[in-house]
Amino acid sequence: MVWSSKVGKYYEREKLLDLLPWRGDEKVLDVGCGRGLVLNAAAKRLDRGKAVGIDIWNERDQSGNHPDVTLENAEKEGVRERVEVVSADARHIPFADNEFDVVVSSLAIHNIYDKGERRKALGEIIRVLKPGGHFAILDFQHVDEYAAVFKELGATGVQIVGPHYYIFPPVRIVVGRKP
């Protein structure tokens, strides 16, 4: 647990983001951003883009989960000017169709316990993703379900990567959207 919280989570976020092509000008959405671990790492890969994180800020899912904490962490990581946080549910993402070049999510979607509701969230992710955009998810439950839903929704290049280490075996899904 100590290794996972001090080193492993940073390793995992970089491995997740390394799966995606980056130009530096993307508009990125982090679904279930929590305290900003992946959100801030994505923002570091941007020189002209913007990273937006959404969350319902449920402390049952993550202790200390609050938008102010997320923004404080963005400040500490030197990316505050490229980060925005919005209170929103993954099942009802408050952005326009085709708005984001990249969508990421880490250890969040499994917190939606109903399969139909998870499907809504995955549908919303595809809806806000631009044609030709990319999505990467990190989770340890329901990954086969996620992959099947993405394929049904017309995603291209759905690929499951992992698990790769034994303490906390996350699996990544990489998705592209037809241009």
N, C-alpha and C. Protein backbone atom coordinates (compact mmCIF):
# COMPACT_ATOMS: atom_id res chain seq x y z
N MET A 1 0.81 -1.20 0.00
CA MET A 1 0.00 0.00 0.00
C MET A 1 0.86 1.26 0.00
N VAL A 2 1.95 1.26 0.76
CA VAL A 2 2.81 2.44 0.80
C VAL A 2 3.41 2.69 -0.58
N TRP A 3 3.93 1.63 -1.22
CA TRP A 3 4.51 1.79 -2.55
C TRP A 3 3.45 2.30 -3.52
N SER A 4 2.26 1.74 -3.44
CA SER A 4 1.19 2.13 -4.36
C SER A 4 0.83 3.61 -4.21
N SER A 5 0.74 4.09 -2.96
CA SER A 5 0.32 5.48 -2.75
C SER A 5 1.45 6.49 -2.96
N LYS A 6 2.69 6.07 -2.77
CA LYS A 6 3.82 6.99 -2.91
C LYS A 6 4.45 6.97 -4.30
N VAL A 7 4.40 5.83 -4.98
CA VAL A 7 5.07 5.68 -6.26
C VAL A 7 4.12 5.14 -7.34
N GLY A 8 3.41 4.09 -7.01
CA GLY A 8 2.61 3.37 -7.99
C GLY A 8 1.58 4.21 -8.72
N LYS A 9 0.90 5.08 -8.00
CA LYS A 9 -0.15 5.88 -8.65
C LYS A 9 0.43 6.85 -9.67
N TYR A 10 1.63 7.36 -9.43
CA TYR A 10 2.27 8.26 -10.38
C TYR A 10 2.74 7.48 -11.62
N TYR A 11 3.25 6.30 -11.37
CA TYR A 11 3.65 5.41 -12.47
C TYR A 11 2.44 5.09 -13.34
N GLU A 12 1.34 4.74 -12.71
CA GLU A 12 0.12 4.38 -13.44
C GLU A 12 -0.42 5.54 -14.26
N ARG A 13 -0.42 6.74 -13.70
CA ARG A 13 -0.97 7.87 -14.45
C ARG A 13 -0.14 8.14 -15.70
N GLU A 14 1.18 8.01 -15.59
CA GLU A 14 2.03 8.25 -16.75
C GLU A 14 1.86 7.16 -17.79
N LYS A 15 1.74 5.91 -17.35
CA LYS A 15 1.51 4.81 -18.28
C LYS A 15 0.19 4.99 -19.02
N LEU A 16 -0.82 5.45 -18.32
CA LEU A 16 -2.12 5.70 -18.94
C LEU A 16 -1.99 6.78 -20.00
N LEU A 17 -1.38 7.90 -19.66
CA LEU A 17 -1.27 9.02 -20.58
C LEU A 17 -0.30 8.74 -21.73
N ASP A 18 0.68 7.88 -21.49
CA ASP A 18 1.62 7.50 -22.56
C ASP A 18 0.94 6.72 -23.68
N LEU A 19 -0.23 6.17 -23.42
CA LEU A 19 -0.95 5.42 -24.45
C LEU A 19 -1.58 6.33 -25.50
N LEU A 20 -1.63 7.61 -25.22
CA LEU A 20 -2.31 8.55 -26.10
C LEU A 20 -1.32 9.39 -26.90
N PRO A 21 -1.69 9.76 -28.13
CA PRO A 21 -0.84 10.70 -28.88
C PRO A 21 -1.09 12.12 -28.38
N TRP A 22 -0.06 12.90 -28.21
CA TRP A 22 -0.18 14.27 -27.69
C TRP A 22 0.45 15.25 -28.66
N ARG A 23 -0.22 16.39 -28.86
CA ARG A 23 0.32 17.51 -29.65
C ARG A 23 0.67 18.68 -28.74
N GLY A 24 -0.07 18.82 -27.64
CA GLY A 24 0.14 19.92 -26.70
C GLY A 24 -0.94 20.97 -26.73
N ASP A 25 -1.84 20.88 -27.71
CA ASP A 25 -2.91 21.88 -27.81
C ASP A 25 -4.30 21.28 -27.58
N GLU A 26 -4.35 20.10 -27.04
CA GLU A 26 -5.62 19.40 -26.86
C GLU A 26 -6.49 20.04 -25.79
N LYS A 27 -7.78 19.82 -25.94
CA LYS A 27 -8.73 20.08 -24.86
C LYS A 27 -9.02 18.70 -24.28
N VAL A 28 -8.71 18.54 -22.99
CA VAL A 28 -8.76 17.25 -22.31
C VAL A 28 -9.85 17.27 -21.26
N LEU A 29 -10.58 16.16 -21.15
CA LEU A 29 -11.56 15.97 -20.08
C LEU A 29 -11.14 14.79 -19.24
N ASP A 30 -11.08 14.99 -17.92
CA ASP A 30 -10.83 13.90 -16.97
C ASP A 30 -12.14 13.63 -16.24
N VAL A 31 -12.71 12.45 -16.47
CA VAL A 31 -14.00 12.07 -15.89
C VAL A 31 -13.75 11.41 -14.54
N GLY A 32 -14.28 12.03 -13.48
CA GLY A 32 -14.04 11.53 -12.13
C GLY A 32 -12.64 11.91 -11.68
N CYS A 33 -12.29 13.18 -11.84
CA CYS A 33 -10.91 13.64 -11.63
C CYS A 33 -10.44 13.58 -10.19
N GLY A 34 -11.38 13.52 -9.24
CA GLY A 34 -10.96 13.49 -7.84
C GLY A 34 -10.05 14.66 -7.50
N ARG A 35 -8.94 14.36 -6.84
CA ARG A 35 -8.02 15.42 -6.40
C ARG A 35 -7.02 15.83 -7.48
N GLY A 36 -7.19 15.31 -8.71
CA GLY A 36 -6.43 15.83 -9.83
C GLY A 36 -5.18 15.06 -10.24
N LEU A 37 -5.00 13.85 -9.78
CA LEU A 37 -3.80 13.10 -10.11
C LEU A 37 -3.58 13.00 -11.62
N VAL A 38 -4.56 12.51 -12.36
CA VAL A 38 -4.42 12.35 -13.81
C VAL A 38 -4.66 13.69 -14.51
N LEU A 39 -5.59 14.46 -14.02
CA LEU A 39 -5.88 15.78 -14.59
C LEU A 39 -4.62 16.64 -14.69
N ASN A 40 -3.87 16.71 -13.61
CA ASN A 40 -2.66 17.53 -13.58
C ASN A 40 -1.56 16.97 -14.48
N ALA A 41 -1.45 15.66 -14.53
CA ALA A 41 -0.45 15.05 -15.41
C ALA A 41 -0.79 15.32 -16.86
N ALA A 42 -2.08 15.28 -17.20
CA ALA A 42 -2.49 15.61 -18.57
C ALA A 42 -2.17 17.07 -18.86
N ALA A 43 -2.45 17.96 -17.92
CA ALA A 43 -2.17 19.39 -18.11
C ALA A 43 -0.68 19.65 -18.33
N LYS A 44 0.17 18.84 -17.71
CA LYS A 44 1.62 18.99 -17.90
C LYS A 44 2.04 18.68 -19.33
N ARG A 45 1.24 17.91 -20.04
CA ARG A 45 1.56 17.56 -21.43
C ARG A 45 1.05 18.60 -22.42
N LEU A 46 0.42 19.63 -21.90
CA LEU A 46 -0.15 20.67 -22.75
C LEU A 46 0.68 21.94 -22.66
N ASP A 47 0.95 22.53 -23.80
CA ASP A 47 1.58 23.86 -23.76
C ASP A 47 0.59 24.93 -24.20
N ARG A 48 -0.42 24.55 -24.98
CA ARG A 48 -1.44 25.51 -25.42
C ARG A 48 -2.85 25.03 -25.12
N GLY A 49 -3.01 23.82 -24.64
CA GLY A 49 -4.33 23.25 -24.42
C GLY A 49 -4.89 23.53 -23.04
N LYS A 50 -5.97 22.83 -22.73
CA LYS A 50 -6.64 23.00 -21.45
C LYS A 50 -7.12 21.63 -20.96
N ALA A 51 -7.06 21.41 -19.65
CA ALA A 51 -7.53 20.18 -19.03
C ALA A 51 -8.69 20.51 -18.09
N VAL A 52 -9.81 19.86 -18.31
CA VAL A 52 -11.01 20.07 -17.52
C VAL A 52 -11.31 18.78 -16.76
N GLY A 53 -11.54 18.90 -15.46
CA GLY A 53 -11.89 17.74 -14.65
C GLY A 53 -13.31 17.85 -14.15
N ILE A 54 -14.04 16.74 -14.24
CA ILE A 54 -15.38 16.70 -13.65
C ILE A 54 -15.41 15.65 -12.56
N ASP A 55 -16.24 15.91 -11.55
CA ASP A 55 -16.40 14.97 -10.46
C ASP A 55 -17.67 15.33 -9.70
N ILE A 56 -18.21 14.34 -8.98
CA ILE A 56 -19.35 14.62 -8.09
C ILE A 56 -18.85 14.89 -6.66
N TRP A 57 -17.54 14.79 -6.46
CA TRP A 57 -16.87 15.13 -5.20
C TRP A 57 -17.41 14.31 -4.03
N ASN A 58 -17.59 13.03 -4.23
CA ASN A 58 -18.09 12.12 -3.21
C ASN A 58 -16.92 11.65 -2.34
N GLU A 59 -16.93 12.01 -1.07
CA GLU A 59 -15.83 11.62 -0.17
C GLU A 59 -15.88 10.14 0.19
N ARG A 60 -16.99 9.47 -0.09
CA ARG A 60 -17.05 8.03 0.14
C ARG A 60 -16.15 7.31 -0.86
N ASP A 61 -16.08 7.83 -2.07
CA ASP A 61 -15.24 7.23 -3.11
C ASP A 61 -13.77 7.60 -2.94
N GLN A 62 -13.50 8.81 -2.45
CA GLN A 62 -12.12 9.26 -2.25
C GLN A 62 -12.11 10.30 -1.13
N SER A 63 -11.34 10.03 -0.09
CA SER A 63 -11.29 10.97 1.03
C SER A 63 -10.68 12.29 0.59
N GLY A 64 -11.15 13.37 1.17
CA GLY A 64 -10.62 14.69 0.85
C GLY A 64 -10.99 15.18 -0.54
N ASN A 65 -12.00 14.57 -1.13
CA ASN A 65 -12.39 14.89 -2.49
C ASN A 65 -13.21 16.18 -2.52
N HIS A 66 -12.61 17.24 -3.04
CA HIS A 66 -13.27 18.54 -3.09
C HIS A 66 -12.62 19.37 -4.20
N PRO A 67 -13.39 20.17 -4.93
CA PRO A 67 -12.79 20.95 -6.02
C PRO A 67 -11.67 21.89 -5.58
N ASP A 68 -11.77 22.45 -4.39
CA ASP A 68 -10.71 23.33 -3.90
C ASP A 68 -9.39 22.58 -3.74
N VAL A 69 -9.48 21.33 -3.27
CA VAL A 69 -8.28 20.51 -3.11
C VAL A 69 -7.67 20.21 -4.48
N THR A 70 -8.53 19.93 -5.46
CA THR A 70 -8.05 19.66 -6.82
C THR A 70 -7.31 20.86 -7.38
N LEU A 71 -7.86 22.04 -7.19
CA LEU A 71 -7.21 23.25 -7.69
C LEU A 71 -5.91 23.56 -6.93
N GLU A 72 -5.89 23.28 -5.63
CA GLU A 72 -4.66 23.44 -4.86
C GLU A 72 -3.57 22.51 -5.39
N ASN A 73 -3.95 21.28 -5.70
CA ASN A 73 -2.98 20.33 -6.25
C ASN A 73 -2.48 20.77 -7.62
N ALA A 74 -3.36 21.35 -8.43
CA ALA A 74 -2.95 21.88 -9.74
C ALA A 74 -1.94 23.01 -9.55
N GLU A 75 -2.17 23.84 -8.55
CA GLU A 75 -1.22 24.93 -8.24
C GLU A 75 0.13 24.34 -7.84
N LYS A 76 0.12 23.34 -6.96
CA LYS A 76 1.36 22.71 -6.50
C LYS A 76 2.13 22.07 -7.65
N GLU A 77 1.40 21.54 -8.64
CA GLU A 77 2.06 20.88 -9.77
C GLU A 77 2.39 21.85 -10.89
N GLY A 78 2.08 23.14 -10.70
CA GLY A 78 2.45 24.16 -11.66
C GLY A 78 1.61 24.21 -12.93
N VAL A 79 0.37 23.72 -12.84
CA VAL A 79 -0.48 23.68 -14.04
C VAL A 79 -1.82 24.38 -13.83
N ARG A 80 -1.95 25.16 -12.78
CA ARG A 80 -3.24 25.78 -12.44
C ARG A 80 -3.84 26.57 -13.60
N GLU A 81 -3.01 27.26 -14.37
CA GLU A 81 -3.54 28.09 -15.46
C GLU A 81 -4.12 27.27 -16.60
N ARG A 82 -3.82 25.96 -16.64
CA ARG A 82 -4.36 25.10 -17.70
C ARG A 82 -5.43 24.14 -17.20
N VAL A 83 -5.87 24.30 -15.94
CA VAL A 83 -6.82 23.37 -15.33
C VAL A 83 -8.11 24.08 -14.92
N GLU A 84 -9.21 23.41 -15.17
CA GLU A 84 -10.53 23.87 -14.73
C GLU A 84 -11.25 22.67 -14.13
N VAL A 85 -12.02 22.90 -13.07
CA VAL A 85 -12.83 21.82 -12.51
C VAL A 85 -14.30 22.21 -12.54
N VAL A 86 -15.14 21.20 -12.76
CA VAL A 86 -16.58 21.39 -12.88
C VAL A 86 -17.27 20.30 -12.08
N SER A 87 -18.27 20.67 -11.32
CA SER A 87 -19.08 19.67 -10.61
C SER A 87 -20.06 19.06 -11.61
N ALA A 88 -19.88 17.78 -11.88
CA ALA A 88 -20.74 17.11 -12.86
C ALA A 88 -20.65 15.60 -12.70
N ASP A 89 -21.71 14.95 -13.08
CA ASP A 89 -21.84 13.49 -13.04
C ASP A 89 -21.45 12.94 -14.41
N ALA A 90 -20.71 11.86 -14.43
CA ALA A 90 -20.27 11.24 -15.69
C ALA A 90 -21.44 10.81 -16.56
N ARG A 91 -22.59 10.58 -15.97
CA ARG A 91 -23.76 10.15 -16.74
C ARG A 91 -24.47 11.30 -17.42
N HIS A 92 -24.08 12.53 -17.08
CA HIS A 92 -24.69 13.73 -17.65
C HIS A 92 -23.59 14.79 -17.79
N ILE A 93 -22.67 14.58 -18.70
CA ILE A 93 -21.54 15.49 -18.87
C ILE A 93 -22.03 16.79 -19.50
N PRO A 94 -21.82 17.92 -18.83
CA PRO A 94 -22.41 19.20 -19.27
C PRO A 94 -21.61 19.94 -20.35
N PHE A 95 -21.18 19.20 -21.36
CA PHE A 95 -20.45 19.81 -22.46
C PHE A 95 -21.07 19.39 -23.78
N ALA A 96 -20.75 20.14 -24.81
CA ALA A 96 -21.31 19.90 -26.14
C ALA A 96 -20.76 18.61 -26.76
N ASP A 97 -21.49 18.10 -27.71
CA ASP A 97 -21.01 16.97 -28.50
C ASP A 97 -19.67 17.36 -29.14
N ASN A 98 -18.77 16.39 -29.24
CA ASN A 98 -17.51 16.56 -29.98
C ASN A 98 -16.64 17.70 -29.44
N GLU A 99 -16.65 17.94 -28.14
CA GLU A 99 -15.92 19.09 -27.59
C GLU A 99 -14.46 18.79 -27.22
N PHE A 100 -14.14 17.54 -26.91
CA PHE A 100 -12.82 17.22 -26.37
C PHE A 100 -11.99 16.37 -27.32
N ASP A 101 -10.71 16.69 -27.40
CA ASP A 101 -9.76 15.91 -28.20
C ASP A 101 -9.37 14.62 -27.49
N VAL A 102 -9.30 14.70 -26.17
CA VAL A 102 -8.87 13.57 -25.34
C VAL A 102 -9.79 13.50 -24.13
N VAL A 103 -10.20 12.27 -23.78
CA VAL A 103 -10.93 12.04 -22.54
C VAL A 103 -10.19 10.93 -21.80
N VAL A 104 -9.98 11.14 -20.50
CA VAL A 104 -9.35 10.13 -19.65
C VAL A 104 -10.22 9.90 -18.42
N SER A 105 -10.03 8.77 -17.81
CA SER A 105 -10.69 8.47 -16.54
C SER A 105 -9.87 7.44 -15.81
N SER A 106 -9.69 7.64 -14.52
CA SER A 106 -8.90 6.72 -13.72
C SER A 106 -9.64 6.35 -12.45
N LEU A 107 -9.94 5.07 -12.33
CA LEU A 107 -10.53 4.51 -11.11
C LEU A 107 -11.79 5.24 -10.68
N ALA A 108 -12.65 5.56 -11.64
CA ALA A 108 -13.87 6.30 -11.32
C ALA A 108 -15.14 5.60 -11.80
N ILE A 109 -15.16 5.10 -13.01
CA ILE A 109 -16.39 4.58 -13.60
C ILE A 109 -16.95 3.40 -12.80
N HIS A 110 -16.07 2.59 -12.20
CA HIS A 110 -16.57 1.45 -11.42
C HIS A 110 -17.40 1.88 -10.21
N ASN A 111 -17.27 3.15 -9.80
CA ASN A 111 -18.08 3.65 -8.69
C ASN A 111 -19.54 3.88 -9.06
N ILE A 112 -19.86 3.73 -10.32
CA ILE A 112 -21.26 3.73 -10.77
C ILE A 112 -21.67 2.26 -10.74
N TYR A 113 -22.49 1.91 -9.77
CA TYR A 113 -22.73 0.50 -9.48
C TYR A 113 -23.68 -0.20 -10.44
N ASP A 114 -24.59 0.51 -11.05
CA ASP A 114 -25.56 -0.07 -11.96
C ASP A 114 -24.98 -0.14 -13.39
N LYS A 115 -25.07 -1.31 -14.01
CA LYS A 115 -24.51 -1.53 -15.34
C LYS A 115 -25.11 -0.56 -16.38
N GLY A 116 -26.40 -0.35 -16.33
CA GLY A 116 -27.05 0.57 -17.26
C GLY A 116 -26.56 2.00 -17.08
N GLU A 117 -26.33 2.38 -15.83
CA GLU A 117 -25.83 3.73 -15.55
C GLU A 117 -24.37 3.88 -16.00
N ARG A 118 -23.57 2.80 -15.85
CA ARG A 118 -22.19 2.84 -16.36
C ARG A 118 -22.21 3.03 -17.88
N ARG A 119 -23.14 2.34 -18.53
CA ARG A 119 -23.27 2.46 -19.99
C ARG A 119 -23.59 3.91 -20.38
N LYS A 120 -24.45 4.57 -19.59
CA LYS A 120 -24.75 5.98 -19.85
C LYS A 120 -23.47 6.82 -19.79
N ALA A 121 -22.66 6.57 -18.77
CA ALA A 121 -21.41 7.33 -18.61
C ALA A 121 -20.47 7.09 -19.80
N LEU A 122 -20.35 5.85 -20.23
CA LEU A 122 -19.48 5.55 -21.37
C LEU A 122 -20.02 6.19 -22.64
N GLY A 123 -21.35 6.21 -22.78
CA GLY A 123 -21.97 6.89 -23.92
C GLY A 123 -21.70 8.38 -23.91
N GLU A 124 -21.73 8.98 -22.73
CA GLU A 124 -21.44 10.40 -22.60
C GLU A 124 -19.98 10.70 -22.98
N ILE A 125 -19.10 9.81 -22.60
CA ILE A 125 -17.68 9.99 -22.94
C ILE A 125 -17.51 10.00 -24.46
N ILE A 126 -18.13 9.05 -25.13
CA ILE A 126 -18.06 9.00 -26.60
C ILE A 126 -18.72 10.24 -27.20
N ARG A 127 -19.83 10.70 -26.63
CA ARG A 127 -20.55 11.85 -27.16
C ARG A 127 -19.70 13.12 -27.15
N VAL A 128 -18.96 13.35 -26.07
CA VAL A 128 -18.19 14.60 -25.96
C VAL A 128 -16.82 14.51 -26.64
N LEU A 129 -16.42 13.31 -27.04
CA LEU A 129 -15.13 13.10 -27.70
C LEU A 129 -15.25 13.46 -29.18
N LYS A 130 -14.33 14.30 -29.66
CA LYS A 130 -14.33 14.70 -31.07
C LYS A 130 -14.06 13.50 -31.97
N PRO A 131 -14.61 13.51 -33.17
CA PRO A 131 -14.20 12.49 -34.15
C PRO A 131 -12.68 12.57 -34.33
N GLY A 132 -12.04 11.43 -34.31
CA GLY A 132 -10.58 11.38 -34.38
C GLY A 132 -9.90 11.53 -33.03
N GLY A 133 -10.71 11.76 -31.97
CA GLY A 133 -10.16 11.90 -30.63
C GLY A 133 -9.82 10.57 -30.00
N HIS A 134 -9.23 10.63 -28.82
CA HIS A 134 -8.80 9.42 -28.11
C HIS A 134 -9.27 9.44 -26.66
N PHE A 135 -9.53 8.24 -26.15
CA PHE A 135 -9.95 8.07 -24.77
C PHE A 135 -9.12 6.96 -24.15
N ALA A 136 -8.70 7.15 -22.91
CA ALA A 136 -8.00 6.09 -22.17
C ALA A 136 -8.60 6.02 -20.78
N ILE A 137 -8.88 4.80 -20.33
CA ILE A 137 -9.47 4.58 -19.02
C ILE A 137 -8.58 3.62 -18.24
N LEU A 138 -8.46 3.87 -16.95
CA LEU A 138 -7.74 2.98 -16.06
C LEU A 138 -8.73 2.51 -15.01
N ASP A 139 -8.90 1.21 -14.90
CA ASP A 139 -9.81 0.68 -13.89
C ASP A 139 -9.43 -0.76 -13.58
N PHE A 140 -10.02 -1.31 -12.55
CA PHE A 140 -9.73 -2.68 -12.16
C PHE A 140 -10.99 -3.54 -12.11
N GLN A 141 -12.12 -2.97 -12.48
CA GLN A 141 -13.38 -3.71 -12.57
C GLN A 141 -14.07 -3.35 -13.87
N HIS A 142 -14.85 -4.27 -14.39
CA HIS A 142 -15.75 -4.03 -15.52
C HIS A 142 -15.06 -3.68 -16.83
N VAL A 143 -13.77 -3.91 -16.97
CA VAL A 143 -13.08 -3.45 -18.17
C VAL A 143 -13.55 -4.16 -19.44
N ASP A 144 -13.88 -5.44 -19.35
CA ASP A 144 -14.42 -6.13 -20.53
C ASP A 144 -15.75 -5.51 -20.93
N GLU A 145 -16.55 -5.17 -19.96
CA GLU A 145 -17.83 -4.48 -20.21
C GLU A 145 -17.59 -3.14 -20.90
N TYR A 146 -16.65 -2.36 -20.39
CA TYR A 146 -16.35 -1.06 -20.99
C TYR A 146 -15.94 -1.23 -22.46
N ALA A 147 -15.05 -2.18 -22.71
CA ALA A 147 -14.58 -2.41 -24.08
C ALA A 147 -15.73 -2.78 -25.00
N ALA A 148 -16.61 -3.65 -24.54
CA ALA A 148 -17.76 -4.06 -25.35
C ALA A 148 -18.68 -2.88 -25.65
N VAL A 149 -18.94 -2.07 -24.66
CA VAL A 149 -19.81 -0.90 -24.85
C VAL A 149 -19.17 0.08 -25.83
N PHE A 150 -17.88 0.35 -25.68
CA PHE A 150 -17.21 1.26 -26.60
C PHE A 150 -17.30 0.74 -28.04
N LYS A 151 -17.10 -0.55 -28.23
CA LYS A 151 -17.22 -1.13 -29.58
C LYS A 151 -18.64 -0.95 -30.11
N GLU A 152 -19.64 -1.23 -29.27
CA GLU A 152 -21.04 -1.05 -29.68
C GLU A 152 -21.33 0.39 -30.08
N LEU A 153 -20.68 1.33 -29.42
CA LEU A 153 -20.91 2.75 -29.68
C LEU A 153 -20.08 3.28 -30.86
N GLY A 154 -19.35 2.40 -31.52
CA GLY A 154 -18.63 2.78 -32.72
C GLY A 154 -17.20 3.23 -32.52
N ALA A 155 -16.64 3.01 -31.34
CA ALA A 155 -15.25 3.37 -31.10
C ALA A 155 -14.34 2.47 -31.94
N THR A 156 -13.21 3.02 -32.34
CA THR A 156 -12.25 2.25 -33.12
C THR A 156 -11.02 1.96 -32.27
N GLY A 157 -10.32 0.92 -32.63
CA GLY A 157 -9.06 0.61 -31.97
C GLY A 157 -9.19 0.34 -30.49
N VAL A 158 -10.31 -0.25 -30.06
CA VAL A 158 -10.48 -0.56 -28.64
C VAL A 158 -9.44 -1.60 -28.27
N GLN A 159 -8.65 -1.27 -27.28
CA GLN A 159 -7.53 -2.13 -26.89
C GLN A 159 -7.47 -2.19 -25.37
N ILE A 160 -7.39 -3.41 -24.82
CA ILE A 160 -7.23 -3.58 -23.38
C ILE A 160 -5.75 -3.87 -23.12
N VAL A 161 -5.16 -3.11 -22.20
CA VAL A 161 -3.75 -3.24 -21.88
C VAL A 161 -3.63 -3.55 -20.39
N GLY A 162 -2.91 -4.62 -20.05
CA GLY A 162 -2.68 -4.93 -18.64
C GLY A 162 -3.49 -6.13 -18.22
N PRO A 163 -3.54 -6.48 -16.95
CA PRO A 163 -2.83 -5.85 -15.82
C PRO A 163 -1.34 -6.16 -15.88
N HIS A 164 -0.58 -5.40 -15.09
CA HIS A 164 0.86 -5.60 -15.18
C HIS A 164 1.60 -5.62 -13.85
N TYR A 165 1.01 -5.23 -12.77
CA TYR A 165 1.72 -5.45 -11.50
C TYR A 165 0.75 -5.98 -10.47
N TYR A 166 1.26 -6.71 -9.52
CA TYR A 166 0.44 -7.59 -8.70
C TYR A 166 -0.23 -6.95 -7.50
N ILE A 167 0.19 -5.79 -7.03
CA ILE A 167 -0.41 -5.21 -5.84
C ILE A 167 -1.81 -4.69 -6.14
N PHE A 168 -1.96 -4.02 -7.23
CA PHE A 168 -3.24 -3.43 -7.61
C PHE A 168 -3.33 -3.55 -9.12
N PRO A 169 -3.97 -4.59 -9.63
CA PRO A 169 -3.88 -4.88 -11.06
C PRO A 169 -4.85 -4.08 -11.92
N PRO A 170 -4.52 -2.84 -12.22
CA PRO A 170 -5.39 -2.07 -13.10
C PRO A 170 -5.24 -2.51 -14.55
N VAL A 171 -6.25 -2.22 -15.31
CA VAL A 171 -6.26 -2.50 -16.74
C VAL A 171 -6.60 -1.22 -17.45
N ARG A 172 -5.92 -0.95 -18.52
CA ARG A 172 -6.18 0.25 -19.30
C ARG A 172 -6.93 -0.11 -20.55
N ILE A 173 -7.85 0.74 -20.96
CA ILE A 173 -8.52 0.60 -22.24
C ILE A 173 -8.18 1.84 -23.06
N VAL A 174 -7.78 1.63 -24.28
CA VAL A 174 -7.49 2.74 -25.19
C VAL A 174 -8.52 2.71 -26.29
N VAL A 175 -9.09 3.84 -26.60
CA VAL A 175 -10.16 3.93 -27.58
C VAL A 175 -9.87 5.10 -28.52
N GLY A 176 -10.14 4.90 -29.77
CA GLY A 176 -10.13 6.00 -30.73
C GLY A 176 -11.54 6.20 -31.24
N ARG A 177 -11.81 7.33 -31.84
CA ARG A 177 -13.13 7.57 -32.42
C ARG A 177 -12.94 7.88 -33.90
N LYS A 178 -13.79 7.30 -34.72
CA LYS A 178 -13.69 7.50 -36.17
C LYS A 178 -13.71 8.99 -36.50
N PRO A 179 -12.79 9.41 -37.37
CA PRO A 179 -12.78 10.81 -37.78
C PRO A 179 -13.97 11.13 -38.68
